[in-house]
Amino acid sequence: MVYDKNEVRETLVALVRDVLKRKRLDAKAEDIVEGVSLVTQVGIDSLDILQVVAAVEKKYGLRIPEEELRSADDIGKFLKVVEKHWPKA
């Protein structure tokens, strides 16, 4: 599978929106962008982030080390971590 940044971004945004919907927090897709903290500005917590990461790992067959997730608190940083651990062809 070839890394498609736009597809992965769309997947991440959809997963975050699902979390927000379950928590009954209202966020628009334009709120979930690079540079906006998912924790302090959007309203999800570290457990929610772990759920999002687990879904991404399962969907794309990745393994992302937990220590790298601490710095991935916005979509842009998530994308960099996913790209770093994308299987090499």
C-alpha atoms as a PDB file:
ATOM      1  CA  MET A   1       0.000   0.000   0.000  1.00  0.00           C
ATOM      2  CA  VAL A   2       1.348   3.405  -0.984  1.00  0.00           C
ATOM      3  CA  TYR A   3       1.260   6.184   1.610  1.00  0.00           C
ATOM      4  CA  ASP A   4      -1.436   8.694   0.664  1.00  0.00           C
ATOM      5  CA  LYS A   5      -1.245  11.648   3.033  1.00  0.00           C
ATOM      6  CA  ASN A   6      -4.692  12.965   2.070  1.00  0.00           C
ATOM      7  CA  GLU A   7      -6.366   9.596   2.644  1.00  0.00           C
ATOM      8  CA  VAL A   8      -4.674   9.196   6.030  1.00  0.00           C
ATOM      9  CA  ARG A   9      -5.627  12.776   6.977  1.00  0.00           C
ATOM     10  CA  GLU A  10      -9.267  12.102   6.055  1.00  0.00           C
ATOM     11  CA  THR A  11      -9.201   8.887   8.110  1.00  0.00           C
ATOM     12  CA  LEU A  12      -7.738  10.691  11.130  1.00  0.00           C
ATOM     13  CA  VAL A  13     -10.262  13.529  10.915  1.00  0.00           C
ATOM     14  CA  ALA A  14     -13.157  11.050  10.614  1.00  0.00           C
ATOM     15  CA  LEU A  15     -11.918   9.081  13.620  1.00  0.00           C
ATOM     16  CA  VAL A  16     -11.511  12.227  15.736  1.00  0.00           C
ATOM     17  CA  ARG A  17     -14.982  13.422  14.724  1.00  0.00           C
ATOM     18  CA  ASP A  18     -16.418  10.041  15.763  1.00  0.00           C
ATOM     19  CA  VAL A  19     -14.778  10.420  19.184  1.00  0.00           C
ATOM     20  CA  LEU A  20     -16.161  13.929  19.524  1.00  0.00           C
ATOM     21  CA  LYS A  21     -19.641  12.785  18.520  1.00  0.00           C
ATOM     22  CA  ARG A  22     -19.559  10.039  21.175  1.00  0.00           C
ATOM     23  CA  LYS A  23     -18.470  12.617  23.756  1.00  0.00           C
ATOM     24  CA  ARG A  24     -21.210  14.956  22.514  1.00  0.00           C
ATOM     25  CA  LEU A  25     -18.722  17.649  21.624  1.00  0.00           C
ATOM     26  CA  ASP A  26     -19.421  19.633  18.503  1.00  0.00           C
ATOM     27  CA  ALA A  27     -16.450  20.133  16.197  1.00  0.00           C
ATOM     28  CA  LYS A  28     -16.378  20.820  12.511  1.00  0.00           C
ATOM     29  CA  ALA A  29     -13.871  19.226  10.138  1.00  0.00           C
ATOM     30  CA  GLU A  30     -12.207  22.627   9.758  1.00  0.00           C
ATOM     31  CA  ASP A  31     -11.515  22.599  13.525  1.00  0.00           C
ATOM     32  CA  ILE A  32      -9.466  19.407  13.199  1.00  0.00           C
ATOM     33  CA  VAL A  33      -6.457  20.656  11.258  1.00  0.00           C
ATOM     34  CA  GLU A  34      -2.699  20.811  11.523  1.00  0.00           C
ATOM     35  CA  GLY A  35      -1.547  23.077  14.331  1.00  0.00           C
ATOM     36  CA  VAL A  36      -4.732  22.757  16.422  1.00  0.00           C
ATOM     37  CA  SER A  37      -4.204  20.715  19.591  1.00  0.00           C
ATOM     38  CA  LEU A  38      -6.660  17.845  19.790  1.00  0.00           C
ATOM     39  CA  VAL A  39      -6.392  17.858  23.577  1.00  0.00           C
ATOM     40  CA  THR A  40      -6.417  21.520  24.597  1.00  0.00           C
ATOM     41  CA  GLN A  41      -8.354  23.046  21.703  1.00  0.00           C
ATOM     42  CA  VAL A  42     -10.632  20.299  20.360  1.00  0.00           C
ATOM     43  CA  GLY A  43     -11.426  18.479  23.593  1.00  0.00           C
ATOM     44  CA  ILE A  44     -10.311  14.859  23.329  1.00  0.00           C
ATOM     45  CA  ASP A  45      -8.144  13.199  25.960  1.00  0.00           C
ATOM     46  CA  SER A  46      -5.185  10.826  25.906  1.00  0.00           C
ATOM     47  CA  LEU A  47      -7.408   7.736  26.013  1.00  0.00           C
ATOM     48  CA  ASP A  48      -9.298   9.022  22.976  1.00  0.00           C
ATOM     49  CA  ILE A  49      -5.988   9.528  21.172  1.00  0.00           C
ATOM     50  CA  LEU A  50      -5.004   5.935  21.934  1.00  0.00           C
ATOM     51  CA  GLN A  51      -8.307   4.743  20.433  1.00  0.00           C
ATOM     52  CA  VAL A  52      -7.702   6.785  17.287  1.00  0.00           C
ATOM     53  CA  VAL A  53      -4.158   5.436  16.988  1.00  0.00           C
ATOM     54  CA  ALA A  54      -5.340   1.844  17.493  1.00  0.00           C
ATOM     55  CA  ALA A  55      -7.884   2.282  14.690  1.00  0.00           C
ATOM     56  CA  VAL A  56      -5.226   3.739  12.368  1.00  0.00           C
ATOM     57  CA  GLU A  57      -2.801   0.929  13.213  1.00  0.00           C
ATOM     58  CA  LYS A  58      -5.451  -1.669  12.468  1.00  0.00           C
ATOM     59  CA  LYS A  59      -6.634  -0.051   9.233  1.00  0.00           C
ATOM     60  CA  TYR A  60      -3.161   0.429   7.778  1.00  0.00           C
ATOM     61  CA  GLY A  61      -1.238  -2.420   9.431  1.00  0.00           C
ATOM     62  CA  LEU A  62       1.092  -0.130  11.357  1.00  0.00           C
ATOM     63  CA  ARG A  63       2.770  -0.303  14.739  1.00  0.00           C
ATOM     64  CA  ILE A  64       3.338   3.088  16.347  1.00  0.00           C
ATOM     65  CA  PRO A  65       5.447   3.170  19.543  1.00  0.00           C
ATOM     66  CA  GLU A  66       3.558   4.684  22.476  1.00  0.00           C
ATOM     67  CA  GLU A  67       6.360   7.117  23.322  1.00  0.00           C
ATOM     68  CA  GLU A  68       5.938   8.804  19.940  1.00  0.00           C
ATOM     69  CA  LEU A  69       2.286   9.517  20.645  1.00  0.00           C
ATOM     70  CA  ARG A  70       3.072  11.975  23.433  1.00  0.00           C
ATOM     71  CA  SER A  71       4.127  14.607  20.928  1.00  0.00           C
ATOM     72  CA  ALA A  72       1.371  13.839  18.408  1.00  0.00           C
ATOM     73  CA  ASP A  73      -1.377  16.121  19.665  1.00  0.00           C
ATOM     74  CA  ASP A  74      -2.507  17.582  16.353  1.00  0.00           C
ATOM     75  CA  ILE A  75      -3.324  16.130  12.932  1.00  0.00           C
ATOM     76  CA  GLY A  76      -0.063  17.344  11.386  1.00  0.00           C
ATOM     77  CA  LYS A  77       2.055  15.624  14.035  1.00  0.00           C
ATOM     78  CA  PHE A  78      -0.073  12.482  13.748  1.00  0.00           C
ATOM     79  CA  LEU A  79       0.531  12.429  10.001  1.00  0.00           C
ATOM     80  CA  LYS A  80       4.297  12.690  10.500  1.00  0.00           C
ATOM     81  CA  VAL A  81       4.266   9.780  12.962  1.00  0.00           C
ATOM     82  CA  VAL A  82       2.123   7.653  10.634  1.00  0.00           C
ATOM     83  CA  GLU A  83       4.358   8.433   7.663  1.00  0.00           C
ATOM     84  CA  LYS A  84       7.467   7.574   9.696  1.00  0.00           C
ATOM     85  CA  HIS A  85       6.077   4.129  10.521  1.00  0.00           C
ATOM     86  CA  TRP A  86       4.500   3.429   7.138  1.00  0.00           C
ATOM     87  CA  PRO A  87       5.697   0.080   5.745  1.00  0.00           C
ATOM     88  CA  LYS A  88       8.499   0.568   3.238  1.00  0.00           C
ATOM     89  CA  ALA A  89       7.761  -0.945  -0.157  1.00  0.00           C
END
